[in-house]
Amino acid sequence: DDEFVHSTSGNKDRDDEGVVAESSRLSASENARQQEKKNRIQQENHRLFAAQKLQEKKNVRKYAEEYISLLSSSVFKSLHERGKLKETAADVDHQISDEFLPWIYGELDCELIYKR
């Protein structure tokens, strides 16, 4: 009889150890899952923040380009009307597209060929 009680007591201790081990394993698993969830949320928040900042930069750039475009046209017109500039904005645009850009592209081609 004592042997049976002692052997069932040993089984109970092992069962308790198994329950504690399983509980610890589940707790560690849950902690890892919670940490992964927290990390994913943090990554998503960072991504959203970066996307918002990028959109703000795009908006500022677009505004600046439009403002400069209007300003440059106004400056060209004012300088031309005052006789300070003999060429119009259209003349300058023509010179840039027909003379400067072909020249700079040719220089870049030469530079790229030289680098190869």
PDB file of N, CA and C in Angstrom:
ATOM      1  N   ASP A   1       0.816  -1.205   0.000  1.00  0.00           N
ATOM      2  CA  ASP A   1       0.000   0.000   0.000  1.00  0.00           C
ATOM      3  C   ASP A   1       0.854   1.260   0.000  1.00  0.00           C
ATOM      4  N   ASP A   2       1.855   1.271   0.884  1.00  0.00           N
ATOM      5  CA  ASP A   2       2.737   2.437   0.942  1.00  0.00           C
ATOM      6  C   ASP A   2       3.468   2.630  -0.372  1.00  0.00           C
ATOM      7  N   GLU A   3       3.796   1.518  -0.991  1.00  0.00           N
ATOM      8  CA  GLU A   3       4.496   1.590  -2.277  1.00  0.00           C
ATOM      9  C   GLU A   3       3.617   2.267  -3.315  1.00  0.00           C
ATOM     10  N   PHE A   4       2.344   1.932  -3.341  1.00  0.00           N
ATOM     11  CA  PHE A   4       1.410   2.533  -4.296  1.00  0.00           C
ATOM     12  C   PHE A   4       1.275   4.027  -4.047  1.00  0.00           C
ATOM     13  N   VAL A   5       1.146   4.433  -2.787  1.00  0.00           N
ATOM     14  CA  VAL A   5       1.016   5.839  -2.432  1.00  0.00           C
ATOM     15  C   VAL A   5       2.269   6.569  -2.845  1.00  0.00           C
ATOM     16  N   HIS A   6       3.451   5.947  -2.583  1.00  0.00           N
ATOM     17  CA  HIS A   6       4.712   6.590  -2.926  1.00  0.00           C
ATOM     18  C   HIS A   6       4.846   6.717  -4.451  1.00  0.00           C
ATOM     19  N   SER A   7       4.440   5.682  -5.184  1.00  0.00           N
ATOM     20  CA  SER A   7       4.560   5.744  -6.642  1.00  0.00           C
ATOM     21  C   SER A   7       3.559   6.725  -7.234  1.00  0.00           C
ATOM     22  N   THR A   8       2.357   6.841  -6.696  1.00  0.00           N
ATOM     23  CA  THR A   8       1.415   7.827  -7.209  1.00  0.00           C
ATOM     24  C   THR A   8       1.849   9.226  -6.817  1.00  0.00           C
ATOM     25  N   SER A   9       2.512   9.359  -5.702  1.00  0.00           N
ATOM     26  CA  SER A   9       3.024  10.663  -5.293  1.00  0.00           C
ATOM     27  C   SER A   9       4.118  11.104  -6.258  1.00  0.00           C
ATOM     28  N   GLY A  10       4.960  10.198  -6.712  1.00  0.00           N
ATOM     29  CA  GLY A  10       6.007  10.505  -7.690  1.00  0.00           C
ATOM     30  C   GLY A  10       5.403  10.909  -9.019  1.00  0.00           C
ATOM     31  N   ASN A  11       4.338  10.215  -9.404  1.00  0.00           N
ATOM     32  CA  ASN A  11       3.640  10.565 -10.651  1.00  0.00           C
ATOM     33  C   ASN A  11       3.031  11.949 -10.545  1.00  0.00           C
ATOM     34  N   LYS A  12       2.486  12.259  -9.357  1.00  0.00           N
ATOM     35  CA  LYS A  12       1.876  13.571  -9.150  1.00  0.00           C
ATOM     36  C   LYS A  12       2.932  14.664  -9.258  1.00  0.00           C
ATOM     37  N   ASP A  13       4.121  14.432  -8.699  1.00  0.00           N
ATOM     38  CA  ASP A  13       5.194  15.416  -8.784  1.00  0.00           C
ATOM     39  C   ASP A  13       5.596  15.634 -10.238  1.00  0.00           C
ATOM     40  N   ARG A  14       5.713  14.525 -10.988  1.00  0.00           N
ATOM     41  CA  ARG A  14       6.065  14.641 -12.397  1.00  0.00           C
ATOM     42  C   ARG A  14       4.968  15.355 -13.179  1.00  0.00           C
ATOM     43  N   ASP A  15       3.718  15.054 -12.830  1.00  0.00           N
ATOM     44  CA  ASP A  15       2.604  15.732 -13.493  1.00  0.00           C
ATOM     45  C   ASP A  15       2.627  17.222 -13.191  1.00  0.00           C
ATOM     46  N   ASP A  16       2.897  17.568 -11.922  1.00  0.00           N
ATOM     47  CA  ASP A  16       2.994  18.984 -11.543  1.00  0.00           C
ATOM     48  C   ASP A  16       4.123  19.667 -12.306  1.00  0.00           C
ATOM     49  N   GLU A  17       5.260  18.983 -12.406  1.00  0.00           N
ATOM     50  CA  GLU A  17       6.387  19.540 -13.154  1.00  0.00           C
ATOM     51  C   GLU A  17       6.008  19.735 -14.625  1.00  0.00           C
ATOM     52  N   GLY A  18       5.278  18.773 -15.165  1.00  0.00           N
ATOM     53  CA  GLY A  18       4.832  18.862 -16.559  1.00  0.00           C
ATOM     54  C   GLY A  18       3.881  20.025 -16.763  1.00  0.00           C
ATOM     55  N   VAL A  19       2.976  20.223 -15.805  1.00  0.00           N
ATOM     56  CA  VAL A  19       2.023  21.334 -15.885  1.00  0.00           C
ATOM     57  C   VAL A  19       2.761  22.665 -15.787  1.00  0.00           C
ATOM     58  N   VAL A  20       3.725  22.731 -14.869  1.00  0.00           N
ATOM     59  CA  VAL A  20       4.502  23.959 -14.711  1.00  0.00           C
ATOM     60  C   VAL A  20       5.310  24.220 -15.984  1.00  0.00           C
ATOM     61  N   ALA A  21       5.924  23.184 -16.533  1.00  0.00           N
ATOM     62  CA  ALA A  21       6.713  23.333 -17.752  1.00  0.00           C
ATOM     63  C   ALA A  21       5.816  23.773 -18.915  1.00  0.00           C
ATOM     64  N   GLU A  22       4.669  23.164 -19.037  1.00  0.00           N
ATOM     65  CA  GLU A  22       3.734  23.521 -20.115  1.00  0.00           C
ATOM     66  C   GLU A  22       3.231  24.939 -19.931  1.00  0.00           C
ATOM     67  N   SER A  23       2.946  25.305 -18.706  1.00  0.00           N
ATOM     68  CA  SER A  23       2.498  26.661 -18.409  1.00  0.00           C
ATOM     69  C   SER A  23       3.590  27.669 -18.763  1.00  0.00           C
ATOM     70  N   SER A  24       4.819  27.343 -18.410  1.00  0.00           N
ATOM     71  CA  SER A  24       5.945  28.237 -18.746  1.00  0.00           C
ATOM     72  C   SER A  24       6.111  28.345 -20.254  1.00  0.00           C
ATOM     73  N   ARG A  25       5.992  27.219 -20.940  1.00  0.00           N
ATOM     74  CA  ARG A  25       6.124  27.218 -22.391  1.00  0.00           C
ATOM     75  C   ARG A  25       5.031  28.070 -23.033  1.00  0.00           C
ATOM     76  N   LEU A  26       3.800  27.899 -22.565  1.00  0.00           N
ATOM     77  CA  LEU A  26       2.689  28.689 -23.104  1.00  0.00           C
ATOM     78  C   LEU A  26       2.863  30.167 -22.794  1.00  0.00           C
ATOM     79  N   SER A  27       3.326  30.462 -21.588  1.00  0.00           N
ATOM     80  CA  SER A  27       3.559  31.850 -21.200  1.00  0.00           C
ATOM     81  C   SER A  27       4.653  32.469 -22.076  1.00  0.00           C
ATOM     82  N   ALA A  28       5.733  31.756 -22.298  1.00  0.00           N
ATOM     83  CA  ALA A  28       6.823  32.254 -23.151  1.00  0.00           C
ATOM     84  C   ALA A  28       6.327  32.438 -24.585  1.00  0.00           C
ATOM     85  N   SER A  29       5.525  31.497 -25.037  1.00  0.00           N
ATOM     86  CA  SER A  29       4.967  31.586 -26.390  1.00  0.00           C
ATOM     87  C   SER A  29       4.062  32.805 -26.527  1.00  0.00           C
ATOM     88  N   GLU A  30       3.236  33.033 -25.526  1.00  0.00           N
ATOM     89  CA  GLU A  30       2.329  34.194 -25.531  1.00  0.00           C
ATOM     90  C   GLU A  30       3.128  35.501 -25.463  1.00  0.00           C
ATOM     91  N   ASN A  31       4.168  35.514 -24.644  1.00  0.00           N
ATOM     92  CA  ASN A  31       5.022  36.706 -24.558  1.00  0.00           C
ATOM     93  C   ASN A  31       5.694  36.993 -25.898  1.00  0.00           C
ATOM     94  N   ALA A  32       6.178  35.949 -26.541  1.00  0.00           N
ATOM     95  CA  ALA A  32       6.824  36.116 -27.847  1.00  0.00           C
ATOM     96  C   ALA A  32       5.811  36.624 -28.871  1.00  0.00           C
ATOM     97  N   ARG A  33       4.601  36.093 -28.831  1.00  0.00           N
ATOM     98  CA  ARG A  33       3.556  36.526 -29.756  1.00  0.00           C
ATOM     99  C   ARG A  33       3.198  38.000 -29.518  1.00  0.00           C
ATOM    100  N   GLN A  34       3.083  38.377 -28.266  1.00  0.00           N
ATOM    101  CA  GLN A  34       2.769  39.771 -27.927  1.00  0.00           C
ATOM    102  C   GLN A  34       3.898  40.711 -28.372  1.00  0.00           C
ATOM    103  N   GLN A  35       5.149  40.285 -28.167  1.00  0.00           N
ATOM    104  CA  GLN A  35       6.291  41.104 -28.571  1.00  0.00           C
ATOM    105  C   GLN A  35       6.326  41.246 -30.093  1.00  0.00           C
ATOM    106  N   GLU A  36       6.054  40.171 -30.803  1.00  0.00           N
ATOM    107  CA  GLU A  36       6.020  40.223 -32.273  1.00  0.00           C
ATOM    108  C   GLU A  36       4.913  41.169 -32.750  1.00  0.00           C
ATOM    109  N   LYS A  37       3.759  41.103 -32.101  1.00  0.00           N
ATOM    110  CA  LYS A  37       2.655  41.992 -32.446  1.00  0.00           C
ATOM    111  C   LYS A  37       3.044  43.452 -32.210  1.00  0.00           C
ATOM    112  N   LYS A  38       3.685  43.712 -31.069  1.00  0.00           N
ATOM    113  CA  LYS A  38       4.137  45.068 -30.745  1.00  0.00           C
ATOM    114  C   LYS A  38       5.157  45.558 -31.785  1.00  0.00           C
ATOM    115  N   ASN A  39       6.081  44.674 -32.166  1.00  0.00           N
ATOM    116  CA  ASN A  39       7.080  45.039 -33.177  1.00  0.00           C
ATOM    117  C   ASN A  39       6.425  45.355 -34.526  1.00  0.00           C
ATOM    118  N   ARG A  40       5.462  44.555 -34.916  1.00  0.00           N
ATOM    119  CA  ARG A  40       4.766  44.787 -36.200  1.00  0.00           C
ATOM    120  C   ARG A  40       4.010  46.115 -36.188  1.00  0.00           C
ATOM    121  N   ILE A  41       3.360  46.400 -35.084  1.00  0.00           N
ATOM    122  CA  ILE A  41       2.627  47.671 -34.960  1.00  0.00           C
ATOM    123  C   ILE A  41       3.601  48.834 -35.030  1.00  0.00           C
ATOM    124  N   GLN A  42       4.737  48.701 -34.353  1.00  0.00           N
ATOM    125  CA  GLN A  42       5.752  49.757 -34.376  1.00  0.00           C
ATOM    126  C   GLN A  42       6.302  49.946 -35.796  1.00  0.00           C
ATOM    127  N   GLN A  43       6.555  48.860 -36.506  1.00  0.00           N
ATOM    128  CA  GLN A  43       7.036  48.940 -37.892  1.00  0.00           C
ATOM    129  C   GLN A  43       6.005  49.631 -38.780  1.00  0.00           C
ATOM    130  N   GLU A  44       4.753  49.285 -38.605  1.00  0.00           N
ATOM    131  CA  GLU A  44       3.690  49.890 -39.423  1.00  0.00           C
ATOM    132  C   GLU A  44       3.572  51.380 -39.121  1.00  0.00           C
ATOM    133  N   ASN A  45       3.645  51.746 -37.857  1.00  0.00           N
ATOM    134  CA  ASN A  45       3.599  53.166 -37.499  1.00  0.00           C
ATOM    135  C   ASN A  45       4.770  53.918 -38.106  1.00  0.00           C
ATOM    136  N   HIS A  46       5.943  53.320 -38.092  1.00  0.00           N
ATOM    137  CA  HIS A  46       7.132  53.936 -38.693  1.00  0.00           C
ATOM    138  C   HIS A  46       6.935  54.089 -40.205  1.00  0.00           C
ATOM    139  N   ARG A  47       6.385  53.058 -40.839  1.00  0.00           N
ATOM    140  CA  ARG A  47       6.139  53.113 -42.283  1.00  0.00           C
ATOM    141  C   ARG A  47       5.144  54.212 -42.628  1.00  0.00           C
ATOM    142  N   LEU A  48       4.084  54.311 -41.849  1.00  0.00           N
ATOM    143  CA  LEU A  48       3.071  55.343 -42.085  1.00  0.00           C
ATOM    144  C   LEU A  48       3.650  56.745 -41.891  1.00  0.00           C
ATOM    145  N   PHE A  49       4.479  56.911 -40.865  1.00  0.00           N
ATOM    146  CA  PHE A  49       5.112  58.194 -40.606  1.00  0.00           C
ATOM    147  C   PHE A  49       6.031  58.573 -41.768  1.00  0.00           C
ATOM    148  N   ALA A  50       6.828  57.613 -42.235  1.00  0.00           N
ATOM    149  CA  ALA A  50       7.743  57.870 -43.355  1.00  0.00           C
ATOM    150  C   ALA A  50       6.957  58.202 -44.623  1.00  0.00           C
ATOM    151  N   ALA A  51       5.856  57.502 -44.870  1.00  0.00           N
ATOM    152  CA  ALA A  51       5.029  57.774 -46.050  1.00  0.00           C
ATOM    153  C   ALA A  51       4.412  59.166 -45.957  1.00  0.00           C
ATOM    154  N   GLN A  52       3.984  59.561 -44.766  1.00  0.00           N
ATOM    155  CA  GLN A  52       3.408  60.894 -44.574  1.00  0.00           C
ATOM    156  C   GLN A  52       4.465  61.966 -44.826  1.00  0.00           C
ATOM    157  N   LYS A  53       5.672  61.783 -44.305  1.00  0.00           N
ATOM    158  CA  LYS A  53       6.752  62.740 -44.516  1.00  0.00           C
ATOM    159  C   LYS A  53       7.111  62.833 -45.996  1.00  0.00           C
ATOM    160  N   LEU A  54       7.133  61.697 -46.688  1.00  0.00           N
ATOM    161  CA  LEU A  54       7.427  61.691 -48.116  1.00  0.00           C
ATOM    162  C   LEU A  54       6.369  62.472 -48.885  1.00  0.00           C
ATOM    163  N   GLN A  55       5.105  62.273 -48.539  1.00  0.00           N
ATOM    164  CA  GLN A  55       4.026  62.996 -49.209  1.00  0.00           C
ATOM    165  C   GLN A  55       4.138  64.492 -48.951  1.00  0.00           C
ATOM    166  N   GLU A  56       4.493  64.862 -47.728  1.00  0.00           N
ATOM    167  CA  GLU A  56       4.674  66.285 -47.415  1.00  0.00           C
ATOM    168  C   GLU A  56       5.803  66.878 -48.261  1.00  0.00           C
ATOM    169  N   LYS A  57       6.893  66.139 -48.393  1.00  0.00           N
ATOM    170  CA  LYS A  57       8.018  66.615 -49.211  1.00  0.00           C
ATOM    171  C   LYS A  57       7.602  66.770 -50.671  1.00  0.00           C
ATOM    172  N   LYS A  58       6.826  65.818 -51.171  1.00  0.00           N
ATOM    173  CA  LYS A  58       6.344  65.911 -52.556  1.00  0.00           C
ATOM    174  C   LYS A  58       5.468  67.155 -52.736  1.00  0.00           C
ATOM    175  N   ASN A  59       4.591  67.395 -51.776  1.00  0.00           N
ATOM    176  CA  ASN A  59       3.710  68.556 -51.860  1.00  0.00           C
ATOM    177  C   ASN A  59       4.502  69.859 -51.831  1.00  0.00           C
ATOM    178  N   VAL A  60       5.498  69.931 -50.956  1.00  0.00           N
ATOM    179  CA  VAL A  60       6.329  71.137 -50.869  1.00  0.00           C
ATOM    180  C   VAL A  60       7.095  71.345 -52.164  1.00  0.00           C
ATOM    181  N   ARG A  61       7.643  70.266 -52.705  1.00  0.00           N
ATOM    182  CA  ARG A  61       8.393  70.369 -53.959  1.00  0.00           C
ATOM    183  C   ARG A  61       7.496  70.846 -55.098  1.00  0.00           C
ATOM    184  N   LYS A  62       6.302  70.272 -55.166  1.00  0.00           N
ATOM    185  CA  LYS A  62       5.366  70.664 -56.222  1.00  0.00           C
ATOM    186  C   LYS A  62       5.022  72.148 -56.092  1.00  0.00           C
ATOM    187  N   TYR A  63       4.745  72.588 -54.879  1.00  0.00           N
ATOM    188  CA  TYR A  63       4.427  73.994 -54.644  1.00  0.00           C
ATOM    189  C   TYR A  63       5.604  74.883 -55.038  1.00  0.00           C
ATOM    190  N   ALA A  64       6.808  74.493 -54.631  1.00  0.00           N
ATOM    191  CA  ALA A  64       8.003  75.287 -54.945  1.00  0.00           C
ATOM    192  C   ALA A  64       8.223  75.369 -56.460  1.00  0.00           C
ATOM    193  N   GLU A  65       8.046  74.251 -57.146  1.00  0.00           N
ATOM    194  CA  GLU A  65       8.212  74.258 -58.602  1.00  0.00           C
ATOM    195  C   GLU A  65       7.202  75.183 -59.272  1.00  0.00           C
ATOM    196  N   GLU A  66       5.958  75.119 -58.833  1.00  0.00           N
ATOM    197  CA  GLU A  66       4.933  75.995 -59.405  1.00  0.00           C
ATOM    198  C   GLU A  66       5.242  77.461 -59.099  1.00  0.00           C
ATOM    199  N   TYR A  67       5.657  77.728 -57.866  1.00  0.00           N
ATOM    200  CA  TYR A  67       5.964  79.095 -57.458  1.00  0.00           C
ATOM    201  C   TYR A  67       7.145  79.640 -58.264  1.00  0.00           C
ATOM    202  N   ILE A  68       8.184  78.857 -58.392  1.00  0.00           N
ATOM    203  CA  ILE A  68       9.362  79.295 -59.150  1.00  0.00           C
ATOM    204  C   ILE A  68       9.017  79.482 -60.620  1.00  0.00           C
ATOM    205  N   SER A  69       8.193  78.605 -61.149  1.00  0.00           N
ATOM    206  CA  SER A  69       7.781  78.732 -62.542  1.00  0.00           C
ATOM    207  C   SER A  69       7.063  80.062 -62.769  1.00  0.00           C
ATOM    208  N   LEU A  70       6.126  80.372 -61.879  1.00  0.00           N
ATOM    209  CA  LEU A  70       5.404  81.644 -61.987  1.00  0.00           C
ATOM    210  C   LEU A  70       6.349  82.823 -61.768  1.00  0.00           C
ATOM    211  N   LEU A  71       7.223  82.678 -60.802  1.00  0.00           N
ATOM    212  CA  LEU A  71       8.160  83.740 -60.482  1.00  0.00           C
ATOM    213  C   LEU A  71       9.132  83.989 -61.631  1.00  0.00           C
ATOM    214  N   SER A  72       9.669  82.911 -62.215  1.00  0.00           N
ATOM    215  CA  SER A  72      10.636  83.092 -63.302  1.00  0.00           C
ATOM    216  C   SER A  72       9.979  83.750 -64.508  1.00  0.00           C
ATOM    217  N   SER A  73       8.751  83.370 -64.810  1.00  0.00           N
ATOM    218  CA  SER A  73       8.048  84.009 -65.921  1.00  0.00           C
ATOM    219  C   SER A  73       7.858  85.497 -65.634  1.00  0.00           C
ATOM    220  N   SER A  74       7.479  85.814 -64.403  1.00  0.00           N
ATOM    221  CA  SER A  74       7.266  87.202 -63.998  1.00  0.00           C
ATOM    222  C   SER A  74       8.575  87.988 -64.055  1.00  0.00           C
ATOM    223  N   VAL A  75       9.661  87.367 -63.592  1.00  0.00           N
ATOM    224  CA  VAL A  75      10.963  88.041 -63.606  1.00  0.00           C
ATOM    225  C   VAL A  75      11.414  88.287 -65.039  1.00  0.00           C
ATOM    226  N   PHE A  76      11.309  87.291 -65.900  1.00  0.00           N
ATOM    227  CA  PHE A  76      11.692  87.467 -67.303  1.00  0.00           C
ATOM    228  C   PHE A  76      10.887  88.597 -67.944  1.00  0.00           C
ATOM    229  N   LYS A  77       9.580  88.580 -67.680  1.00  0.00           N
ATOM    230  CA  LYS A  77       8.717  89.603 -68.268  1.00  0.00           C
ATOM    231  C   LYS A  77       9.119  90.995 -67.767  1.00  0.00           C
ATOM    232  N   SER A  78       9.336  91.130 -66.462  1.00  0.00           N
ATOM    233  CA  SER A  78       9.711  92.409 -65.876  1.00  0.00           C
ATOM    234  C   SER A  78      11.054  92.896 -66.407  1.00  0.00           C
ATOM    235  N   LEU A  79      12.039  92.039 -66.467  1.00  0.00           N
ATOM    236  CA  LEU A  79      13.359  92.420 -66.983  1.00  0.00           C
ATOM    237  C   LEU A  79      13.283  92.814 -68.459  1.00  0.00           C
ATOM    238  N   HIS A  80      12.488  92.087 -69.205  1.00  0.00           N
ATOM    239  CA  HIS A  80      12.334  92.387 -70.630  1.00  0.00           C
ATOM    240  C   HIS A  80      11.644  93.744 -70.823  1.00  0.00           C
ATOM    241  N   GLU A  81      10.589  93.998 -70.035  1.00  0.00           N
ATOM    242  CA  GLU A  81       9.865  95.266 -70.146  1.00  0.00           C
ATOM    243  C   GLU A  81      10.754  96.444 -69.762  1.00  0.00           C
ATOM    244  N   ARG A  82      11.666  96.265 -68.846  1.00  0.00           N
ATOM    245  CA  ARG A  82      12.561  97.339 -68.413  1.00  0.00           C
ATOM    246  C   ARG A  82      13.781  97.496 -69.330  1.00  0.00           C
ATOM    247  N   GLY A  83      13.885  96.628 -70.321  1.00  0.00           N
ATOM    248  CA  GLY A  83      15.012  96.708 -71.241  1.00  0.00           C
ATOM    249  C   GLY A  83      16.286  96.091 -70.697  1.00  0.00           C
ATOM    250  N   LYS A  84      16.204  95.419 -69.584  1.00  0.00           N
ATOM    251  CA  LYS A  84      17.383  94.789 -68.971  1.00  0.00           C
ATOM    252  C   LYS A  84      17.703  93.452 -69.631  1.00  0.00           C
ATOM    253  N   LEU A  85      16.736  92.886 -70.280  1.00  0.00           N
ATOM    254  CA  LEU A  85      16.919  91.588 -70.910  1.00  0.00           C
ATOM    255  C   LEU A  85      16.394  91.681 -72.329  1.00  0.00           C
ATOM    256  N   LYS A  86      17.237  91.349 -73.262  1.00  0.00           N
ATOM    257  CA  LYS A  86      16.851  91.456 -74.670  1.00  0.00           C
ATOM    258  C   LYS A  86      16.063  90.233 -75.135  1.00  0.00           C
ATOM    259  N   GLU A  87      16.189  89.153 -74.390  1.00  0.00           N
ATOM    260  CA  GLU A  87      15.526  87.915 -74.791  1.00  0.00           C
ATOM    261  C   GLU A  87      14.281  87.688 -73.935  1.00  0.00           C
ATOM    262  N   THR A  88      13.312  87.026 -74.509  1.00  0.00           N
ATOM    263  CA  THR A  88      12.106  86.678 -73.761  1.00  0.00           C
ATOM    264  C   THR A  88      12.302  85.302 -73.119  1.00  0.00           C
ATOM    265  N   ALA A  89      11.382  84.954 -72.279  1.00  0.00           N
ATOM    266  CA  ALA A  89      11.436  83.635 -71.645  1.00  0.00           C
ATOM    267  C   ALA A  89      11.391  82.546 -72.705  1.00  0.00           C
ATOM    268  N   ALA A  90      10.607  82.745 -73.752  1.00  0.00           N
ATOM    269  CA  ALA A  90      10.519  81.761 -74.834  1.00  0.00           C
ATOM    270  C   ALA A  90      11.876  81.621 -75.524  1.00  0.00           C
ATOM    271  N   ASP A  91      12.581  82.751 -75.706  1.00  0.00           N
ATOM    272  CA  ASP A  91      13.909  82.697 -76.315  1.00  0.00           C
ATOM    273  C   ASP A  91      14.872  81.895 -75.442  1.00  0.00           C
ATOM    274  N   VAL A  92      14.820  82.138 -74.148  1.00  0.00           N
ATOM    275  CA  VAL A  92      15.701  81.423 -73.226  1.00  0.00           C
ATOM    276  C   VAL A  92      15.345  79.942 -73.217  1.00  0.00           C
ATOM    277  N   ASP A  93      14.052  79.621 -73.154  1.00  0.00           N
ATOM    278  CA  ASP A  93      13.628  78.212 -73.207  1.00  0.00           C
ATOM    279  C   ASP A  93      14.136  77.559 -74.485  1.00  0.00           C
ATOM    280  N   HIS A  94      14.041  78.291 -75.598  1.00  0.00           N
ATOM    281  CA  HIS A  94      14.504  77.774 -76.884  1.00  0.00           C
ATOM    282  C   HIS A  94      16.013  77.522 -76.826  1.00  0.00           C
ATOM    283  N   GLN A  95      16.765  78.450 -76.285  1.00  0.00           N
ATOM    284  CA  GLN A  95      18.207  78.266 -76.185  1.00  0.00           C
ATOM    285  C   GLN A  95      18.564  77.074 -75.302  1.00  0.00           C
ATOM    286  N   ILE A  96      17.837  76.927 -74.224  1.00  0.00           N
ATOM    287  CA  ILE A  96      18.108  75.809 -73.320  1.00  0.00           C
ATOM    288  C   ILE A  96      17.830  74.488 -74.019  1.00  0.00           C
ATOM    289  N   SER A  97      16.650  74.371 -74.632  1.00  0.00           N
ATOM    290  CA  SER A  97      16.277  73.092 -75.236  1.00  0.00           C
ATOM    291  C   SER A  97      17.053  72.794 -76.513  1.00  0.00           C
ATOM    292  N   ASP A  98      17.403  73.831 -77.304  1.00  0.00           N
ATOM    293  CA  ASP A  98      18.064  73.588 -78.592  1.00  0.00           C
ATOM    294  C   ASP A  98      19.589  73.661 -78.526  1.00  0.00           C
ATOM    295  N   GLU A  99      20.136  74.342 -77.521  1.00  0.00           N
ATOM    296  CA  GLU A  99      21.586  74.497 -77.472  1.00  0.00           C
ATOM    297  C   GLU A  99      22.210  73.867 -76.221  1.00  0.00           C
ATOM    298  N   PHE A 100      21.714  74.267 -75.071  1.00  0.00           N
ATOM    299  CA  PHE A 100      22.350  73.817 -73.837  1.00  0.00           C
ATOM    300  C   PHE A 100      22.151  72.328 -73.595  1.00  0.00           C
ATOM    301  N   LEU A 101      20.896  71.851 -73.662  1.00  0.00           N
ATOM    302  CA  LEU A 101      20.631  70.439 -73.368  1.00  0.00           C
ATOM    303  C   LEU A 101      21.374  69.497 -74.320  1.00  0.00           C
ATOM    304  N   PRO A 102      21.368  69.749 -75.658  1.00  0.00           N
ATOM    305  CA  PRO A 102      22.154  68.860 -76.524  1.00  0.00           C
ATOM    306  C   PRO A 102      23.645  68.868 -76.158  1.00  0.00           C
ATOM    307  N   TRP A 103      24.164  70.053 -75.811  1.00  0.00           N
ATOM    308  CA  TRP A 103      25.575  70.132 -75.432  1.00  0.00           C
ATOM    309  C   TRP A 103      25.853  69.332 -74.162  1.00  0.00           C
ATOM    310  N   ILE A 104      25.011  69.516 -73.134  1.00  0.00           N
ATOM    311  CA  ILE A 104      25.258  68.820 -71.858  1.00  0.00           C
ATOM    312  C   ILE A 104      25.098  67.315 -72.020  1.00  0.00           C
ATOM    313  N   TYR A 105      24.126  66.875 -72.837  1.00  0.00           N
ATOM    314  CA  TYR A 105      23.970  65.442 -73.079  1.00  0.00           C
ATOM    315  C   TYR A 105      25.199  64.883 -73.792  1.00  0.00           C
ATOM    316  N   GLY A 106      25.733  65.627 -74.744  1.00  0.00           N
ATOM    317  CA  GLY A 106      26.951  65.202 -75.434  1.00  0.00           C
ATOM    318  C   GLY A 106      28.125  65.088 -74.474  1.00  0.00           C
ATOM    319  N   GLU A 107      28.246  66.071 -73.563  1.00  0.00           N
ATOM    320  CA  GLU A 107      29.320  66.025 -72.565  1.00  0.00           C
ATOM    321  C   GLU A 107      29.159  64.813 -71.651  1.00  0.00           C
ATOM    322  N   LEU A 108      27.925  64.536 -71.259  1.00  0.00           N
ATOM    323  CA  LEU A 108      27.678  63.379 -70.401  1.00  0.00           C
ATOM    324  C   LEU A 108      27.990  62.082 -71.130  1.00  0.00           C
ATOM    325  N   ASP A 109      27.616  61.998 -72.405  1.00  0.00           N
ATOM    326  CA  ASP A 109      27.934  60.806 -73.196  1.00  0.00           C
ATOM    327  C   ASP A 109      29.437  60.592 -73.254  1.00  0.00           C
ATOM    328  N   CYS A 110      30.184  61.664 -73.518  1.00  0.00           N
ATOM    329  CA  CYS A 110      31.642  61.564 -73.566  1.00  0.00           C
ATOM    330  C   CYS A 110      32.198  61.107 -72.219  1.00  0.00           C
ATOM    331  N   GLU A 111      31.667  61.664 -71.156  1.00  0.00           N
ATOM    332  CA  GLU A 111      32.129  61.318 -69.810  1.00  0.00           C
ATOM    333  C   GLU A 111      31.828  59.849 -69.492  1.00  0.00           C
ATOM    334  N   LEU A 112      30.631  59.397 -69.867  1.00  0.00           N
ATOM    335  CA  LEU A 112      30.261  58.012 -69.622  1.00  0.00           C
ATOM    336  C   LEU A 112      31.117  57.048 -70.438  1.00  0.00           C
ATOM    337  N   ILE A 113      31.370  57.410 -71.690  1.00  0.00           N
ATOM    338  CA  ILE A 113      32.220  56.549 -72.535  1.00  0.00           C
ATOM    339  C   ILE A 113      33.622  56.512 -71.962  1.00  0.00           C
ATOM    340  N   TYR A 114      34.124  57.644 -71.489  1.00  0.00           N
ATOM    341  CA  TYR A 114      35.453  57.719 -70.911  1.00  0.00           C
ATOM    342  C   TYR A 114      35.549  56.864 -69.645  1.00  0.00           C
ATOM    343  N   LYS A 115      34.483  56.841 -68.843  1.00  0.00           N
ATOM    344  CA  LYS A 115      34.475  56.088 -67.586  1.00  0.00           C
ATOM    345  C   LYS A 115      34.450  54.577 -67.814  1.00  0.00           C
ATOM    346  N   ARG A 116      33.910  54.152 -68.940  1.00  0.00           N
ATOM    347  CA  ARG A 116      33.813  52.713 -69.216  1.00  0.00           C
ATOM    348  C   ARG A 116      35.171  52.197 -69.461  1.00  0.00           C
TER     349      ARG A 116
END
